Amino acid sequence: MSKSNKILNVPNTLSLLRMVLVPVFAAAILYLPRLTSSLWVSCLVPAALFGLTSLTDMLDGQIARKYDLITDFGKFLDPLADKFMVFGALVCILISPLYAGIRPVFVWVTLIVMLRELGVTSMRLVVASRKVVVAASFFGKAKTCTQIAGILLILCEPLFGDFGATHVLAYVMMAAMLVTTVGSGVDYLRTYWPYLSGRADRAETAEQAAAQDPAGDDRS
C-alpha cells in the first residue's frame, strides 16, 4: 500500500488526536473551576490543551502536503476535527460560569461562527460533484487564526485582573472573530454562487453547444 493511500498515516492520526483531545479540554473548561480555586489552573490547563489541539490542526495539513499523504479519509476527517475543536471550545466557554460576564455577547459570536461553518459545509456538499477546489483565501486564513487566538485569549482572560473584569480584550477578539468569520463566509458564497445558482451549468451547456455547432447562425 502506498503512502498516499494509507488511512492511518501521520496527518490522519493527528486529526484523530485532535478529535480525542476535544472532550479532554472541554472537561477541563467545565470542571476545573469546580475542582480548584486556582484561576491559573482553571484557565491555563484548558488553554494549553486547546493550544495543543490547534497545533495538530497546523501540522496535519503541512505534513500531508509536504509528504504527499493526502487521502480521501483525511479530506473528510480534517475539517470535521476542526469543527469539533472550535464548536467544543465555543460551547464550553458559553456555559462555563467562569466566563459568564461575556455570555450575552458571546452567545451571538458562537451562533454566527456555527452558522458560517455549517453554511460553508453545505455549499461544499452541493458543489462536491463538480470537484470545485477553492484555495485558502486571506479571509479563510484570518478566520482560523482569529478563532484560535480569540478562544485562547478568552480562556486566559480571567487572569488579567481589572482589565479582564471589563472584558476589553475579549470584546476586541470577538469582534475580530466576527469580521473574519463573516468575511470568509461571504467570500465562499461569492466563489460558489455560480454553481449554486446554476449559472455555471448554463455556461457549460452553452460552451458545449458552441463546440458542437461552431458555425452558429452563419450556416448556409
C-alpha atoms as a PDB file:
ATOM      1  CA  MET A   1       0.000   0.000   0.000  1.00  0.00           C
ATOM      2  CA  SER A   2       1.431   3.399  -0.950  1.00  0.00           C
ATOM      3  CA  LYS A   3       1.912   6.230   1.479  1.00  0.00           C
ATOM      4  CA  SER A   4      -0.826   8.293  -0.119  1.00  0.00           C
ATOM      5  CA  ASN A   5      -3.381   5.509   0.265  1.00  0.00           C
ATOM      6  CA  LYS A   6      -2.633   4.557   3.853  1.00  0.00           C
ATOM      7  CA  ILE A   7      -5.584   5.631   6.012  1.00  0.00           C
ATOM      8  CA  LEU A   8      -3.799   5.886   9.368  1.00  0.00           C
ATOM      9  CA  ASN A   9      -0.860   7.945   8.179  1.00  0.00           C
ATOM     10  CA  VAL A  10       0.677  10.717  10.280  1.00  0.00           C
ATOM     11  CA  PRO A  11      -1.665  13.577   9.213  1.00  0.00           C
ATOM     12  CA  ASN A  12      -4.814  11.482   9.738  1.00  0.00           C
ATOM     13  CA  THR A  13      -3.504  10.294  13.104  1.00  0.00           C
ATOM     14  CA  LEU A  14      -3.012  13.931  14.119  1.00  0.00           C
ATOM     15  CA  SER A  15      -6.595  14.703  13.038  1.00  0.00           C
ATOM     16  CA  LEU A  16      -7.855  11.782  15.122  1.00  0.00           C
ATOM     17  CA  LEU A  17      -5.767  13.018  18.055  1.00  0.00           C
ATOM     18  CA  ARG A  18      -7.416  16.421  17.659  1.00  0.00           C
ATOM     19  CA  MET A  19     -10.859  14.842  17.959  1.00  0.00           C
ATOM     20  CA  VAL A  20      -9.767  12.842  21.017  1.00  0.00           C
ATOM     21  CA  LEU A  21      -8.441  15.991  22.699  1.00  0.00           C
ATOM     22  CA  VAL A  22     -11.733  17.880  22.243  1.00  0.00           C
ATOM     23  CA  PRO A  23     -13.582  16.186  25.140  1.00  0.00           C
ATOM     24  CA  VAL A  24     -10.421  16.433  27.257  1.00  0.00           C
ATOM     25  CA  PHE A  25     -10.120  20.223  27.038  1.00  0.00           C
ATOM     26  CA  ALA A  26     -13.928  20.524  27.205  1.00  0.00           C
ATOM     27  CA  ALA A  27     -13.894  18.679  30.530  1.00  0.00           C
ATOM     28  CA  ALA A  28     -11.049  20.911  31.722  1.00  0.00           C
ATOM     29  CA  ILE A  29     -13.010  24.072  30.863  1.00  0.00           C
ATOM     30  CA  LEU A  30     -16.165  22.865  32.593  1.00  0.00           C
ATOM     31  CA  TYR A  31     -14.883  21.021  35.655  1.00  0.00           C
ATOM     32  CA  LEU A  32     -11.562  22.516  36.735  1.00  0.00           C
ATOM     33  CA  PRO A  33     -13.230  25.697  38.138  1.00  0.00           C
ATOM     34  CA  ARG A  34     -15.309  23.396  40.360  1.00  0.00           C
ATOM     35  CA  LEU A  35     -12.347  21.318  41.483  1.00  0.00           C
ATOM     36  CA  THR A  36      -9.851  24.080  42.278  1.00  0.00           C
ATOM     37  CA  SER A  37      -9.932  27.679  43.437  1.00  0.00           C
ATOM     38  CA  SER A  38      -6.811  28.496  41.432  1.00  0.00           C
ATOM     39  CA  LEU A  39      -7.575  30.660  38.397  1.00  0.00           C
ATOM     40  CA  TRP A  40      -4.187  29.772  36.963  1.00  0.00           C
ATOM     41  CA  VAL A  41      -5.066  26.094  36.854  1.00  0.00           C
ATOM     42  CA  SER A  42      -8.646  26.703  35.688  1.00  0.00           C
ATOM     43  CA  CYS A  43      -7.510  28.942  32.826  1.00  0.00           C
ATOM     44  CA  LEU A  44      -4.091  27.733  31.738  1.00  0.00           C
ATOM     45  CA  VAL A  45      -4.757  23.986  31.632  1.00  0.00           C
ATOM     46  CA  PRO A  46      -7.707  24.314  29.176  1.00  0.00           C
ATOM     47  CA  ALA A  47      -5.747  26.911  27.194  1.00  0.00           C
ATOM     48  CA  ALA A  48      -2.715  24.597  26.959  1.00  0.00           C
ATOM     49  CA  LEU A  49      -4.899  21.685  25.843  1.00  0.00           C
ATOM     50  CA  PHE A  50      -6.647  23.854  23.248  1.00  0.00           C
ATOM     51  CA  GLY A  51      -3.275  25.157  22.056  1.00  0.00           C
ATOM     52  CA  LEU A  52      -2.029  21.579  21.637  1.00  0.00           C
ATOM     53  CA  THR A  53      -5.203  20.705  19.750  1.00  0.00           C
ATOM     54  CA  SER A  54      -4.741  23.722  17.470  1.00  0.00           C
ATOM     55  CA  LEU A  55      -1.122  22.718  16.844  1.00  0.00           C
ATOM     56  CA  THR A  56      -2.269  19.383  15.394  1.00  0.00           C
ATOM     57  CA  ASP A  57      -4.508  21.370  13.028  1.00  0.00           C
ATOM     58  CA  MET A  58      -1.495  23.253  11.711  1.00  0.00           C
ATOM     59  CA  LEU A  59       0.770  20.225  11.447  1.00  0.00           C
ATOM     60  CA  ASP A  60      -1.508  17.694   9.764  1.00  0.00           C
ATOM     61  CA  GLY A  61      -2.088  19.790   6.644  1.00  0.00           C
ATOM     62  CA  GLN A  62       1.565  20.747   6.289  1.00  0.00           C
ATOM     63  CA  ILE A  63       2.741  17.143   6.648  1.00  0.00           C
ATOM     64  CA  ALA A  64       0.084  15.823   4.256  1.00  0.00           C
ATOM     65  CA  ARG A  65       1.076  18.287   1.531  1.00  0.00           C
ATOM     66  CA  LYS A  66       4.832  18.009   2.018  1.00  0.00           C
ATOM     67  CA  TYR A  67       4.981  14.201   2.001  1.00  0.00           C
ATOM     68  CA  ASP A  68       2.086  13.512  -0.388  1.00  0.00           C
ATOM     69  CA  LEU A  69      -0.064  11.898   2.307  1.00  0.00           C
ATOM     70  CA  ILE A  70      -3.382  13.394   1.208  1.00  0.00           C
ATOM     71  CA  THR A  71      -6.228  10.849   1.346  1.00  0.00           C
ATOM     72  CA  ASP A  72      -9.993  10.975   0.880  1.00  0.00           C
ATOM     73  CA  PHE A  73     -10.344   9.954   4.535  1.00  0.00           C
ATOM     74  CA  GLY A  74      -8.126  12.871   5.536  1.00  0.00           C
ATOM     75  CA  LYS A  75     -10.161  15.303   3.436  1.00  0.00           C
ATOM     76  CA  PHE A  76     -13.237  14.185   5.375  1.00  0.00           C
ATOM     77  CA  LEU A  77     -11.618  13.946   8.810  1.00  0.00           C
ATOM     78  CA  ASP A  78      -9.596  17.165   8.911  1.00  0.00           C
ATOM     79  CA  PRO A  79     -12.466  19.689   8.541  1.00  0.00           C
ATOM     80  CA  LEU A  80     -14.651  17.559  10.823  1.00  0.00           C
ATOM     81  CA  ALA A  81     -11.987  17.616  13.538  1.00  0.00           C
ATOM     82  CA  ASP A  82     -11.591  21.381  13.057  1.00  0.00           C
ATOM     83  CA  LYS A  83     -15.297  21.944  13.640  1.00  0.00           C
ATOM     84  CA  PHE A  84     -15.306  19.664  16.689  1.00  0.00           C
ATOM     85  CA  MET A  85     -12.385  21.671  18.082  1.00  0.00           C
ATOM     86  CA  VAL A  86     -13.905  25.127  17.575  1.00  0.00           C
ATOM     87  CA  PHE A  87     -17.510  24.193  18.370  1.00  0.00           C
ATOM     88  CA  GLY A  88     -16.459  22.327  21.508  1.00  0.00           C
ATOM     89  CA  ALA A  89     -14.479  25.289  22.818  1.00  0.00           C
ATOM     90  CA  LEU A  90     -17.193  27.834  21.989  1.00  0.00           C
ATOM     91  CA  VAL A  91     -19.986  25.855  23.630  1.00  0.00           C
ATOM     92  CA  CYS A  92     -17.951  25.092  26.761  1.00  0.00           C
ATOM     93  CA  ILE A  93     -16.921  28.733  27.184  1.00  0.00           C
ATOM     94  CA  LEU A  94     -20.552  29.711  26.707  1.00  0.00           C
ATOM     95  CA  ILE A  95     -21.837  27.514  29.540  1.00  0.00           C
ATOM     96  CA  SER A  96     -18.896  27.831  31.933  1.00  0.00           C
ATOM     97  CA  PRO A  97     -19.637  30.105  34.927  1.00  0.00           C
ATOM     98  CA  LEU A  98     -16.057  31.392  34.729  1.00  0.00           C
ATOM     99  CA  TYR A  99     -16.954  33.315  31.553  1.00  0.00           C
ATOM    100  CA  ALA A 100     -20.487  34.378  32.455  1.00  0.00           C
ATOM    101  CA  GLY A 101     -19.543  38.061  32.101  1.00  0.00           C
ATOM    102  CA  ILE A 102     -19.166  37.836  28.313  1.00  0.00           C
ATOM    103  CA  ARG A 103     -22.083  35.439  27.791  1.00  0.00           C
ATOM    104  CA  PRO A 104     -24.655  37.991  26.436  1.00  0.00           C
ATOM    105  CA  VAL A 105     -22.278  38.843  23.565  1.00  0.00           C
ATOM    106  CA  PHE A 106     -20.524  35.508  23.235  1.00  0.00           C
ATOM    107  CA  VAL A 107     -23.775  33.666  22.530  1.00  0.00           C
ATOM    108  CA  TRP A 108     -24.128  35.658  19.302  1.00  0.00           C
ATOM    109  CA  VAL A 109     -20.489  35.056  18.364  1.00  0.00           C
ATOM    110  CA  THR A 110     -20.984  31.323  18.878  1.00  0.00           C
ATOM    111  CA  LEU A 111     -24.179  31.288  16.827  1.00  0.00           C
ATOM    112  CA  ILE A 112     -22.653  33.208  13.906  1.00  0.00           C
ATOM    113  CA  VAL A 113     -19.498  31.057  13.841  1.00  0.00           C
ATOM    114  CA  MET A 114     -21.540  27.859  13.849  1.00  0.00           C
ATOM    115  CA  LEU A 115     -23.924  29.081  11.144  1.00  0.00           C
ATOM    116  CA  ARG A 116     -20.988  30.123   8.961  1.00  0.00           C
ATOM    117  CA  GLU A 117     -19.244  26.753   9.330  1.00  0.00           C
ATOM    118  CA  LEU A 118     -22.428  24.794   8.631  1.00  0.00           C
ATOM    119  CA  GLY A 119     -23.291  27.053   5.705  1.00  0.00           C
ATOM    120  CA  VAL A 120     -19.878  26.655   4.054  1.00  0.00           C
ATOM    121  CA  THR A 121     -20.006  22.888   4.621  1.00  0.00           C
ATOM    122  CA  SER A 122     -23.430  22.751   2.961  1.00  0.00           C
ATOM    123  CA  MET A 123     -22.149  24.716  -0.035  1.00  0.00           C
ATOM    124  CA  ARG A 124     -19.195  22.356  -0.360  1.00  0.00           C
ATOM    125  CA  LEU A 125     -21.542  19.374  -0.390  1.00  0.00           C
ATOM    126  CA  VAL A 126     -23.650  20.942  -3.147  1.00  0.00           C
ATOM    127  CA  VAL A 127     -20.648  21.517  -5.414  1.00  0.00           C
ATOM    128  CA  ALA A 128     -18.751  18.360  -4.404  1.00  0.00           C
ATOM    129  CA  SER A 129     -19.713  16.546  -7.612  1.00  0.00           C
ATOM    130  CA  ARG A 130     -18.217  19.418  -9.639  1.00  0.00           C
ATOM    131  CA  LYS A 131     -14.830  18.864  -7.964  1.00  0.00           C
ATOM    132  CA  VAL A 132     -14.510  22.584  -7.353  1.00  0.00           C
ATOM    133  CA  VAL A 133     -11.344  23.421  -5.407  1.00  0.00           C
ATOM    134  CA  VAL A 134     -11.246  26.743  -3.562  1.00  0.00           C
ATOM    135  CA  ALA A 135      -7.796  27.855  -2.481  1.00  0.00           C
ATOM    136  CA  ALA A 136      -7.446  29.201   1.035  1.00  0.00           C
ATOM    137  CA  SER A 137      -8.136  32.931   0.908  1.00  0.00           C
ATOM    138  CA  PHE A 138      -6.917  35.719   3.162  1.00  0.00           C
ATOM    139  CA  PHE A 139     -10.259  35.743   4.994  1.00  0.00           C
ATOM    140  CA  GLY A 140     -10.179  31.967   5.433  1.00  0.00           C
ATOM    141  CA  LYS A 141      -6.699  32.004   6.960  1.00  0.00           C
ATOM    142  CA  ALA A 142      -7.532  35.060   9.063  1.00  0.00           C
ATOM    143  CA  LYS A 143     -10.721  33.369  10.274  1.00  0.00           C
ATOM    144  CA  THR A 144      -8.797  30.340  11.512  1.00  0.00           C
ATOM    145  CA  CYS A 145      -6.122  32.466  13.196  1.00  0.00           C
ATOM    146  CA  THR A 146      -8.575  34.826  14.920  1.00  0.00           C
ATOM    147  CA  GLN A 147     -10.781  31.976  16.123  1.00  0.00           C
ATOM    148  CA  ILE A 148      -7.838  30.134  17.675  1.00  0.00           C
ATOM    149  CA  ALA A 149      -6.271  33.313  19.107  1.00  0.00           C
ATOM    150  CA  GLY A 150      -9.652  34.569  20.338  1.00  0.00           C
ATOM    151  CA  ILE A 151     -10.501  31.336  22.129  1.00  0.00           C
ATOM    152  CA  LEU A 152      -7.039  31.148  23.724  1.00  0.00           C
ATOM    153  CA  LEU A 153      -7.252  34.755  24.926  1.00  0.00           C
ATOM    154  CA  ILE A 154     -10.775  34.343  26.294  1.00  0.00           C
ATOM    155  CA  LEU A 155      -9.738  31.181  28.150  1.00  0.00           C
ATOM    156  CA  CYS A 156      -6.967  33.170  29.846  1.00  0.00           C
ATOM    157  CA  GLU A 157      -8.904  36.415  30.292  1.00  0.00           C
ATOM    158  CA  PRO A 158      -9.818  35.906  33.996  1.00  0.00           C
ATOM    159  CA  LEU A 159      -6.078  36.107  34.756  1.00  0.00           C
ATOM    160  CA  PHE A 160      -5.844  39.709  33.520  1.00  0.00           C
ATOM    161  CA  GLY A 161      -7.177  41.309  36.697  1.00  0.00           C
ATOM    162  CA  ASP A 162      -9.116  44.564  36.306  1.00  0.00           C
ATOM    163  CA  PHE A 163      -8.555  44.577  32.541  1.00  0.00           C
ATOM    164  CA  GLY A 164     -10.147  41.145  32.377  1.00  0.00           C
ATOM    165  CA  ALA A 165     -13.060  42.300  34.518  1.00  0.00           C
ATOM    166  CA  THR A 166     -14.014  44.842  31.852  1.00  0.00           C
ATOM    167  CA  HIS A 167     -13.690  42.187  29.112  1.00  0.00           C
ATOM    168  CA  VAL A 168     -11.981  44.662  26.772  1.00  0.00           C
ATOM    169  CA  LEU A 169      -9.640  42.085  25.237  1.00  0.00           C
ATOM    170  CA  ALA A 170     -12.441  39.545  24.925  1.00  0.00           C
ATOM    171  CA  TYR A 171     -14.678  42.028  23.100  1.00  0.00           C
ATOM    172  CA  VAL A 172     -11.846  43.022  20.740  1.00  0.00           C
ATOM    173  CA  MET A 173     -11.106  39.394  19.883  1.00  0.00           C
ATOM    174  CA  MET A 174     -14.800  38.568  19.478  1.00  0.00           C
ATOM    175  CA  ALA A 175     -15.121  41.472  17.040  1.00  0.00           C
ATOM    176  CA  ALA A 176     -12.117  40.180  15.076  1.00  0.00           C
ATOM    177  CA  MET A 177     -13.610  36.681  15.032  1.00  0.00           C
ATOM    178  CA  LEU A 178     -16.919  38.020  13.729  1.00  0.00           C
ATOM    179  CA  VAL A 179     -15.351  40.145  10.977  1.00  0.00           C
ATOM    180  CA  THR A 180     -13.151  37.350   9.620  1.00  0.00           C
ATOM    181  CA  THR A 181     -15.827  34.671  10.044  1.00  0.00           C
ATOM    182  CA  VAL A 182     -18.468  36.655   8.163  1.00  0.00           C
ATOM    183  CA  GLY A 183     -15.916  37.860   5.607  1.00  0.00           C
ATOM    184  CA  SER A 184     -14.732  34.333   4.807  1.00  0.00           C
ATOM    185  CA  GLY A 185     -18.331  33.130   4.590  1.00  0.00           C
ATOM    186  CA  VAL A 186     -19.195  35.858   2.080  1.00  0.00           C
ATOM    187  CA  ASP A 187     -16.025  35.027   0.132  1.00  0.00           C
ATOM    188  CA  TYR A 188     -17.028  31.359  -0.114  1.00  0.00           C
ATOM    189  CA  LEU A 189     -20.574  32.311  -1.133  1.00  0.00           C
ATOM    190  CA  ARG A 190     -19.225  34.577  -3.892  1.00  0.00           C
ATOM    191  CA  THR A 191     -16.998  31.758  -5.168  1.00  0.00           C
ATOM    192  CA  TYR A 192     -19.653  29.049  -5.028  1.00  0.00           C
ATOM    193  CA  TRP A 193     -22.586  31.172  -6.220  1.00  0.00           C
ATOM    194  CA  PRO A 194     -22.233  30.342  -9.935  1.00  0.00           C
ATOM    195  CA  TYR A 195     -22.623  26.657  -9.044  1.00  0.00           C
ATOM    196  CA  LEU A 196     -25.400  27.201  -6.501  1.00  0.00           C
ATOM    197  CA  SER A 197     -27.437  29.418  -8.848  1.00  0.00           C
ATOM    198  CA  GLY A 198     -26.983  27.186 -11.883  1.00  0.00           C
ATOM    199  CA  ARG A 199     -25.145  29.878 -13.835  1.00  0.00           C
ATOM    200  CA  ALA A 200     -22.077  27.652 -14.196  1.00  0.00           C
ATOM    201  CA  ASP A 201     -24.259  24.839 -15.581  1.00  0.00           C
ATOM    202  CA  ARG A 202     -25.836  27.178 -18.121  1.00  0.00           C
ATOM    203  CA  ALA A 203     -22.430  28.482 -19.180  1.00  0.00           C
ATOM    204  CA  GLU A 204     -21.121  24.939 -19.544  1.00  0.00           C
ATOM    205  CA  THR A 205     -24.160  23.949 -21.629  1.00  0.00           C
ATOM    206  CA  ALA A 206     -23.649  26.970 -23.878  1.00  0.00           C
ATOM    207  CA  GLU A 207     -19.976  26.107 -24.342  1.00  0.00           C
ATOM    208  CA  GLN A 208     -20.832  22.512 -25.254  1.00  0.00           C
ATOM    209  CA  ALA A 209     -23.441  23.711 -27.752  1.00  0.00           C
ATOM    210  CA  ALA A 210     -20.952  26.122 -29.310  1.00  0.00           C
ATOM    211  CA  ALA A 211     -18.375  23.361 -29.589  1.00  0.00           C
ATOM    212  CA  GLN A 212     -20.856  21.054 -31.333  1.00  0.00           C
ATOM    213  CA  ASP A 213     -22.052  23.834 -33.680  1.00  0.00           C
ATOM    214  CA  PRO A 214     -19.077  26.167 -34.200  1.00  0.00           C
ATOM    215  CA  ALA A 215     -20.653  27.843 -37.263  1.00  0.00           C
ATOM    216  CA  GLY A 216     -23.639  29.029 -35.243  1.00  0.00           C
ATOM    217  CA  ASP A 217     -26.047  31.288 -37.124  1.00  0.00           C
ATOM    218  CA  ASP A 218     -23.628  31.676 -40.028  1.00  0.00           C
ATOM    219  CA  ARG A 219     -24.597  28.315 -41.534  1.00  0.00           C
ATOM    220  CA  SER A 220     -25.813  28.482 -45.117  1.00  0.00           C
END
